[in-house]
Amino acid sequence: MKVSIAAEAKYCMTVEEAAAYFNVGIKRLISLLESPEGAELMLMVGVKRLVKRKKMEQYLDTVYSI
């Protein structure tokens, strides 16, 4: 049984969900997550990248462009 949770209620999102939620391209988001400044925005579960939603929101509030 698959449970559907609203994006605003999730702690972490997949890269695809985060790209749609934050209106950022998937390749740009992956590039950001793999950079030293984006390391704290990501949680690795095996080989799967998850984006920490609140930290990503805080990061986007502080930058001029990505």
PDB file of N, CA and C in Angstrom:
ATOM      1  N   MET A   1       0.834  -1.174   0.000  1.00  0.00           N
ATOM      2  CA  MET A   1       0.000   0.000   0.000  1.00  0.00           C
ATOM      3  C   MET A   1       0.888   1.251   0.000  1.00  0.00           C
ATOM      4  N   LYS A   2       0.721   2.081  -0.989  1.00  0.00           N
ATOM      5  CA  LYS A   2       1.517   3.302  -1.106  1.00  0.00           C
ATOM      6  C   LYS A   2       0.751   4.475  -0.495  1.00  0.00           C
ATOM      7  N   VAL A   3       1.429   5.189   0.391  1.00  0.00           N
ATOM      8  CA  VAL A   3       0.823   6.322   1.076  1.00  0.00           C
ATOM      9  C   VAL A   3       1.275   7.605   0.394  1.00  0.00           C
ATOM     10  N   SER A   4       0.347   8.486   0.127  1.00  0.00           N
ATOM     11  CA  SER A   4       0.663   9.761  -0.501  1.00  0.00           C
ATOM     12  C   SER A   4       0.754  10.847   0.576  1.00  0.00           C
ATOM     13  N   ILE A   5       1.894  11.555   0.597  1.00  0.00           N
ATOM     14  CA  ILE A   5       2.120  12.619   1.572  1.00  0.00           C
ATOM     15  C   ILE A   5       2.375  13.903   0.801  1.00  0.00           C
ATOM     16  N   ALA A   6       1.769  14.988   1.239  1.00  0.00           N
ATOM     17  CA  ALA A   6       1.957  16.288   0.584  1.00  0.00           C
ATOM     18  C   ALA A   6       3.416  16.715   0.701  1.00  0.00           C
ATOM     19  N   ALA A   7       3.924  17.417  -0.299  1.00  0.00           N
ATOM     20  CA  ALA A   7       5.319  17.853  -0.318  1.00  0.00           C
ATOM     21  C   ALA A   7       5.660  18.732   0.872  1.00  0.00           C
ATOM     22  N   GLU A   8       4.708  19.542   1.323  1.00  0.00           N
ATOM     23  CA  GLU A   8       4.951  20.440   2.455  1.00  0.00           C
ATOM     24  C   GLU A   8       5.122  19.678   3.764  1.00  0.00           C
ATOM     25  N   ALA A   9       4.642  18.444   3.827  1.00  0.00           N
ATOM     26  CA  ALA A   9       4.712  17.651   5.050  1.00  0.00           C
ATOM     27  C   ALA A   9       5.936  16.731   5.082  1.00  0.00           C
ATOM     28  N   LYS A  10       6.644  16.615   3.974  1.00  0.00           N
ATOM     29  CA  LYS A  10       7.783  15.709   3.910  1.00  0.00           C
ATOM     30  C   LYS A  10       9.041  16.356   4.478  1.00  0.00           C
ATOM     31  N   TYR A  11       9.867  15.534   5.133  1.00  0.00           N
ATOM     32  CA  TYR A  11      11.170  15.996   5.608  1.00  0.00           C
ATOM     33  C   TYR A  11      12.161  15.996   4.448  1.00  0.00           C
ATOM     34  N   CYS A  12      12.132  14.922   3.663  1.00  0.00           N
ATOM     35  CA  CYS A  12      13.024  14.785   2.502  1.00  0.00           C
ATOM     36  C   CYS A  12      12.203  14.486   1.259  1.00  0.00           C
ATOM     37  N   MET A  13      12.749  14.915   0.111  1.00  0.00           N
ATOM     38  CA  MET A  13      12.113  14.645  -1.178  1.00  0.00           C
ATOM     39  C   MET A  13      13.140  14.017  -2.110  1.00  0.00           C
ATOM     40  N   THR A  14      12.648  13.272  -3.086  1.00  0.00           N
ATOM     41  CA  THR A  14      13.545  12.786  -4.114  1.00  0.00           C
ATOM     42  C   THR A  14      13.995  13.974  -4.961  1.00  0.00           C
ATOM     43  N   VAL A  15      15.019  13.773  -5.752  1.00  0.00           N
ATOM     44  CA  VAL A  15      15.527  14.853  -6.602  1.00  0.00           C
ATOM     45  C   VAL A  15      14.440  15.322  -7.566  1.00  0.00           C
ATOM     46  N   GLU A  16      13.679  14.395  -8.114  1.00  0.00           N
ATOM     47  CA  GLU A  16      12.621  14.753  -9.054  1.00  0.00           C
ATOM     48  C   GLU A  16      11.524  15.574  -8.369  1.00  0.00           C
ATOM     49  N   GLU A  17      11.123  15.162  -7.168  1.00  0.00           N
ATOM     50  CA  GLU A  17      10.106  15.907  -6.427  1.00  0.00           C
ATOM     51  C   GLU A  17      10.616  17.305  -6.061  1.00  0.00           C
ATOM     52  N   ALA A  18      11.866  17.384  -5.610  1.00  0.00           N
ATOM     53  CA  ALA A  18      12.446  18.673  -5.209  1.00  0.00           C
ATOM     54  C   ALA A  18      12.587  19.599  -6.408  1.00  0.00           C
ATOM     55  N   ALA A  19      12.968  19.058  -7.558  1.00  0.00           N
ATOM     56  CA  ALA A  19      13.106  19.879  -8.757  1.00  0.00           C
ATOM     57  C   ALA A  19      11.759  20.500  -9.134  1.00  0.00           C
ATOM     58  N   ALA A  20      10.705  19.719  -9.046  1.00  0.00           N
ATOM     59  CA  ALA A  20       9.368  20.240  -9.354  1.00  0.00           C
ATOM     60  C   ALA A  20       8.907  21.224  -8.283  1.00  0.00           C
ATOM     61  N   TYR A  21       9.148  20.922  -7.017  1.00  0.00           N
ATOM     62  CA  TYR A  21       8.701  21.756  -5.900  1.00  0.00           C
ATOM     63  C   TYR A  21       9.397  23.110  -5.897  1.00  0.00           C
ATOM     64  N   PHE A  22      10.730  23.122  -6.130  1.00  0.00           N
ATOM     65  CA  PHE A  22      11.504  24.353  -6.089  1.00  0.00           C
ATOM     66  C   PHE A  22      11.667  25.012  -7.455  1.00  0.00           C
ATOM     67  N   ASN A  23      11.109  24.401  -8.497  1.00  0.00           N
ATOM     68  CA  ASN A  23      11.183  24.933  -9.853  1.00  0.00           C
ATOM     69  C   ASN A  23      12.638  25.110 -10.310  1.00  0.00           C
ATOM     70  N   VAL A  24      13.432  24.067 -10.097  1.00  0.00           N
ATOM     71  CA  VAL A  24      14.841  24.029 -10.487  1.00  0.00           C
ATOM     72  C   VAL A  24      15.027  22.778 -11.337  1.00  0.00           C
ATOM     73  N   GLY A  25      15.886  22.850 -12.327  1.00  0.00           N
ATOM     74  CA  GLY A  25      16.142  21.689 -13.165  1.00  0.00           C
ATOM     75  C   GLY A  25      16.813  20.563 -12.401  1.00  0.00           C
ATOM     76  N   ILE A  26      16.561  19.326 -12.830  1.00  0.00           N
ATOM     77  CA  ILE A  26      17.121  18.155 -12.160  1.00  0.00           C
ATOM     78  C   ILE A  26      18.643  18.170 -12.215  1.00  0.00           C
ATOM     79  N   LYS A  27      19.212  18.467 -13.377  1.00  0.00           N
ATOM     80  CA  LYS A  27      20.676  18.476 -13.505  1.00  0.00           C
ATOM     81  C   LYS A  27      21.298  19.557 -12.636  1.00  0.00           C
ATOM     82  N   ARG A  28      20.675  20.720 -12.570  1.00  0.00           N
ATOM     83  CA  ARG A  28      21.198  21.814 -11.738  1.00  0.00           C
ATOM     84  C   ARG A  28      21.104  21.455 -10.263  1.00  0.00           C
ATOM     85  N   LEU A  29      20.015  20.817  -9.867  1.00  0.00           N
ATOM     86  CA  LEU A  29      19.833  20.405  -8.482  1.00  0.00           C
ATOM     87  C   LEU A  29      20.868  19.351  -8.088  1.00  0.00           C
ATOM     88  N   ILE A  30      21.103  18.375  -8.938  1.00  0.00           N
ATOM     89  CA  ILE A  30      22.118  17.348  -8.666  1.00  0.00           C
ATOM     90  C   ILE A  30      23.493  17.990  -8.564  1.00  0.00           C
ATOM     91  N   SER A  31      23.774  18.924  -9.460  1.00  0.00           N
ATOM     92  CA  SER A  31      25.056  19.633  -9.415  1.00  0.00           C
ATOM     93  C   SER A  31      25.214  20.380  -8.094  1.00  0.00           C
ATOM     94  N   LEU A  32      24.166  21.031  -7.637  1.00  0.00           N
ATOM     95  CA  LEU A  32      24.200  21.748  -6.367  1.00  0.00           C
ATOM     96  C   LEU A  32      24.419  20.790  -5.206  1.00  0.00           C
ATOM     97  N   LEU A  33      23.720  19.667  -5.203  1.00  0.00           N
ATOM     98  CA  LEU A  33      23.836  18.708  -4.109  1.00  0.00           C
ATOM     99  C   LEU A  33      25.225  18.088  -4.032  1.00  0.00           C
ATOM    100  N   GLU A  34      25.879  17.936  -5.161  1.00  0.00           N
ATOM    101  CA  GLU A  34      27.216  17.337  -5.187  1.00  0.00           C
ATOM    102  C   GLU A  34      28.324  18.342  -4.900  1.00  0.00           C
ATOM    103  N   SER A  35      27.994  19.630  -4.854  1.00  0.00           N
ATOM    104  CA  SER A  35      28.990  20.649  -4.543  1.00  0.00           C
ATOM    105  C   SER A  35      29.197  20.713  -3.027  1.00  0.00           C
ATOM    106  N   PRO A  36      30.338  21.271  -2.593  1.00  0.00           N
ATOM    107  CA  PRO A  36      30.589  21.375  -1.147  1.00  0.00           C
ATOM    108  C   PRO A  36      29.529  22.190  -0.401  1.00  0.00           C
ATOM    109  N   GLU A  37      29.011  23.236  -1.024  1.00  0.00           N
ATOM    110  CA  GLU A  37      28.001  24.054  -0.343  1.00  0.00           C
ATOM    111  C   GLU A  37      26.649  23.359  -0.243  1.00  0.00           C
ATOM    112  N   GLY A  38      26.396  22.387  -1.085  1.00  0.00           N
ATOM    113  CA  GLY A  38      25.111  21.696  -1.071  1.00  0.00           C
ATOM    114  C   GLY A  38      25.122  20.377  -0.330  1.00  0.00           C
ATOM    115  N   ALA A  39      26.267  20.016   0.246  1.00  0.00           N
ATOM    116  CA  ALA A  39      26.380  18.722   0.918  1.00  0.00           C
ATOM    117  C   ALA A  39      25.416  18.588   2.092  1.00  0.00           C
ATOM    118  N   GLU A  40      25.173  19.661   2.822  1.00  0.00           N
ATOM    119  CA  GLU A  40      24.272  19.581   3.970  1.00  0.00           C
ATOM    120  C   GLU A  40      22.800  19.559   3.563  1.00  0.00           C
ATOM    121  N   LEU A  41      22.521  19.778   2.287  1.00  0.00           N
ATOM    122  CA  LEU A  41      21.144  19.766   1.800  1.00  0.00           C
ATOM    123  C   LEU A  41      20.683  18.366   1.408  1.00  0.00           C
ATOM    124  N   MET A  42      21.619  17.416   1.379  1.00  0.00           N
ATOM    125  CA  MET A  42      21.339  16.096   0.826  1.00  0.00           C
ATOM    126  C   MET A  42      21.484  15.015   1.882  1.00  0.00           C
ATOM    127  N   LEU A  43      20.642  13.991   1.768  1.00  0.00           N
ATOM    128  CA  LEU A  43      20.734  12.787   2.579  1.00  0.00           C
ATOM    129  C   LEU A  43      20.829  11.621   1.607  1.00  0.00           C
ATOM    130  N   MET A  44      21.864  10.803   1.744  1.00  0.00           N
ATOM    131  CA  MET A  44      22.017   9.638   0.876  1.00  0.00           C
ATOM    132  C   MET A  44      21.429   8.418   1.570  1.00  0.00           C
ATOM    133  N   VAL A  45      20.558   7.713   0.873  1.00  0.00           N
ATOM    134  CA  VAL A  45      19.999   6.452   1.351  1.00  0.00           C
ATOM    135  C   VAL A  45      20.427   5.409   0.332  1.00  0.00           C
ATOM    136  N   GLY A  46      21.530   4.730   0.625  1.00  0.00           N
ATOM    137  CA  GLY A  46      22.142   3.847  -0.359  1.00  0.00           C
ATOM    138  C   GLY A  46      22.705   4.708  -1.473  1.00  0.00           C
ATOM    139  N   VAL A  47      22.204   4.547  -2.693  1.00  0.00           N
ATOM    140  CA  VAL A  47      22.633   5.381  -3.815  1.00  0.00           C
ATOM    141  C   VAL A  47      21.586   6.444  -4.155  1.00  0.00           C
ATOM    142  N   LYS A  48      20.498   6.459  -3.399  1.00  0.00           N
ATOM    143  CA  LYS A  48      19.402   7.392  -3.650  1.00  0.00           C
ATOM    144  C   LYS A  48      19.676   8.727  -2.951  1.00  0.00           C
ATOM    145  N   ARG A  49      19.557   9.835  -3.696  1.00  0.00           N
ATOM    146  CA  ARG A  49      19.731  11.179  -3.142  1.00  0.00           C
ATOM    147  C   ARG A  49      18.375  11.716  -2.699  1.00  0.00           C
ATOM    148  N   LEU A  50      18.322  12.194  -1.458  1.00  0.00           N
ATOM    149  CA  LEU A  50      17.124  12.846  -0.963  1.00  0.00           C
ATOM    150  C   LEU A  50      17.489  14.268  -0.566  1.00  0.00           C
ATOM    151  N   VAL A  51      16.601  15.205  -0.854  1.00  0.00           N
ATOM    152  CA  VAL A  51      16.826  16.617  -0.557  1.00  0.00           C
ATOM    153  C   VAL A  51      16.079  16.959   0.723  1.00  0.00           C
ATOM    154  N   LYS A  52      16.792  17.564   1.679  1.00  0.00           N
ATOM    155  CA  LYS A  52      16.170  18.012   2.923  1.00  0.00           C
ATOM    156  C   LYS A  52      15.408  19.305   2.623  1.00  0.00           C
ATOM    157  N   ARG A  53      14.094  19.228   2.701  1.00  0.00           N
ATOM    158  CA  ARG A  53      13.228  20.325   2.249  1.00  0.00           C
ATOM    159  C   ARG A  53      13.475  21.630   3.000  1.00  0.00           C
ATOM    160  N   LYS A  54      13.473  21.608   4.321  1.00  0.00           N
ATOM    161  CA  LYS A  54      13.621  22.852   5.085  1.00  0.00           C
ATOM    162  C   LYS A  54      14.994  23.484   4.878  1.00  0.00           C
ATOM    163  N   LYS A  55      16.037  22.646   4.831  1.00  0.00           N
ATOM    164  CA  LYS A  55      17.383  23.195   4.613  1.00  0.00           C
ATOM    165  C   LYS A  55      17.501  23.788   3.215  1.00  0.00           C
ATOM    166  N   MET A  56      16.854  23.156   2.236  1.00  0.00           N
ATOM    167  CA  MET A  56      16.873  23.682   0.876  1.00  0.00           C
ATOM    168  C   MET A  56      16.141  25.016   0.811  1.00  0.00           C
ATOM    169  N   GLU A  57      15.016  25.126   1.513  1.00  0.00           N
ATOM    170  CA  GLU A  57      14.285  26.396   1.552  1.00  0.00           C
ATOM    171  C   GLU A  57      15.143  27.490   2.177  1.00  0.00           C
ATOM    172  N   GLN A  58      15.831  27.175   3.277  1.00  0.00           N
ATOM    173  CA  GLN A  58      16.707  28.148   3.932  1.00  0.00           C
ATOM    174  C   GLN A  58      17.852  28.556   3.015  1.00  0.00           C
ATOM    175  N   TYR A  59      18.422  27.583   2.306  1.00  0.00           N
ATOM    176  CA  TYR A  59      19.521  27.869   1.384  1.00  0.00           C
ATOM    177  C   TYR A  59      19.058  28.804   0.268  1.00  0.00           C
ATOM    178  N   LEU A  60      17.895  28.525  -0.314  1.00  0.00           N
ATOM    179  CA  LEU A  60      17.394  29.351  -1.406  1.00  0.00           C
ATOM    180  C   LEU A  60      17.029  30.765  -0.951  1.00  0.00           C
ATOM    181  N   ASP A  61      16.686  30.920   0.318  1.00  0.00           N
ATOM    182  CA  ASP A  61      16.393  32.238   0.853  1.00  0.00           C
ATOM    183  C   ASP A  61      17.650  33.104   0.961  1.00  0.00           C
ATOM    184  N   THR A  62      18.824  32.473   1.036  1.00  0.00           N
ATOM    185  CA  THR A  62      20.070  33.227   1.243  1.00  0.00           C
ATOM    186  C   THR A  62      20.857  33.485  -0.027  1.00  0.00           C
ATOM    187  N   VAL A  63      20.555  32.807  -1.129  1.00  0.00           N
ATOM    188  CA  VAL A  63      21.353  32.968  -2.345  1.00  0.00           C
ATOM    189  C   VAL A  63      20.647  33.875  -3.345  1.00  0.00           C
ATOM    190  N   TYR A  64      21.454  34.494  -4.189  1.00  0.00           N
ATOM    191  CA  TYR A  64      20.941  35.369  -5.231  1.00  0.00           C
ATOM    192  C   TYR A  64      20.591  34.571  -6.489  1.00  0.00           C
ATOM    193  N   SER A  65      21.454  33.623  -6.827  1.00  0.00           N
ATOM    194  CA  SER A  65      21.212  32.777  -7.995  1.00  0.00           C
ATOM    195  C   SER A  65      21.866  31.420  -7.782  1.00  0.00           C
ATOM    196  N   ILE A  66      21.369  30.428  -8.504  1.00  0.00           N
ATOM    197  CA  ILE A  66      21.970  29.089  -8.427  1.00  0.00           C
ATOM    198  C   ILE A  66      22.279  28.600  -9.818  1.00  0.00           C
TER     199      ILE A  66
END
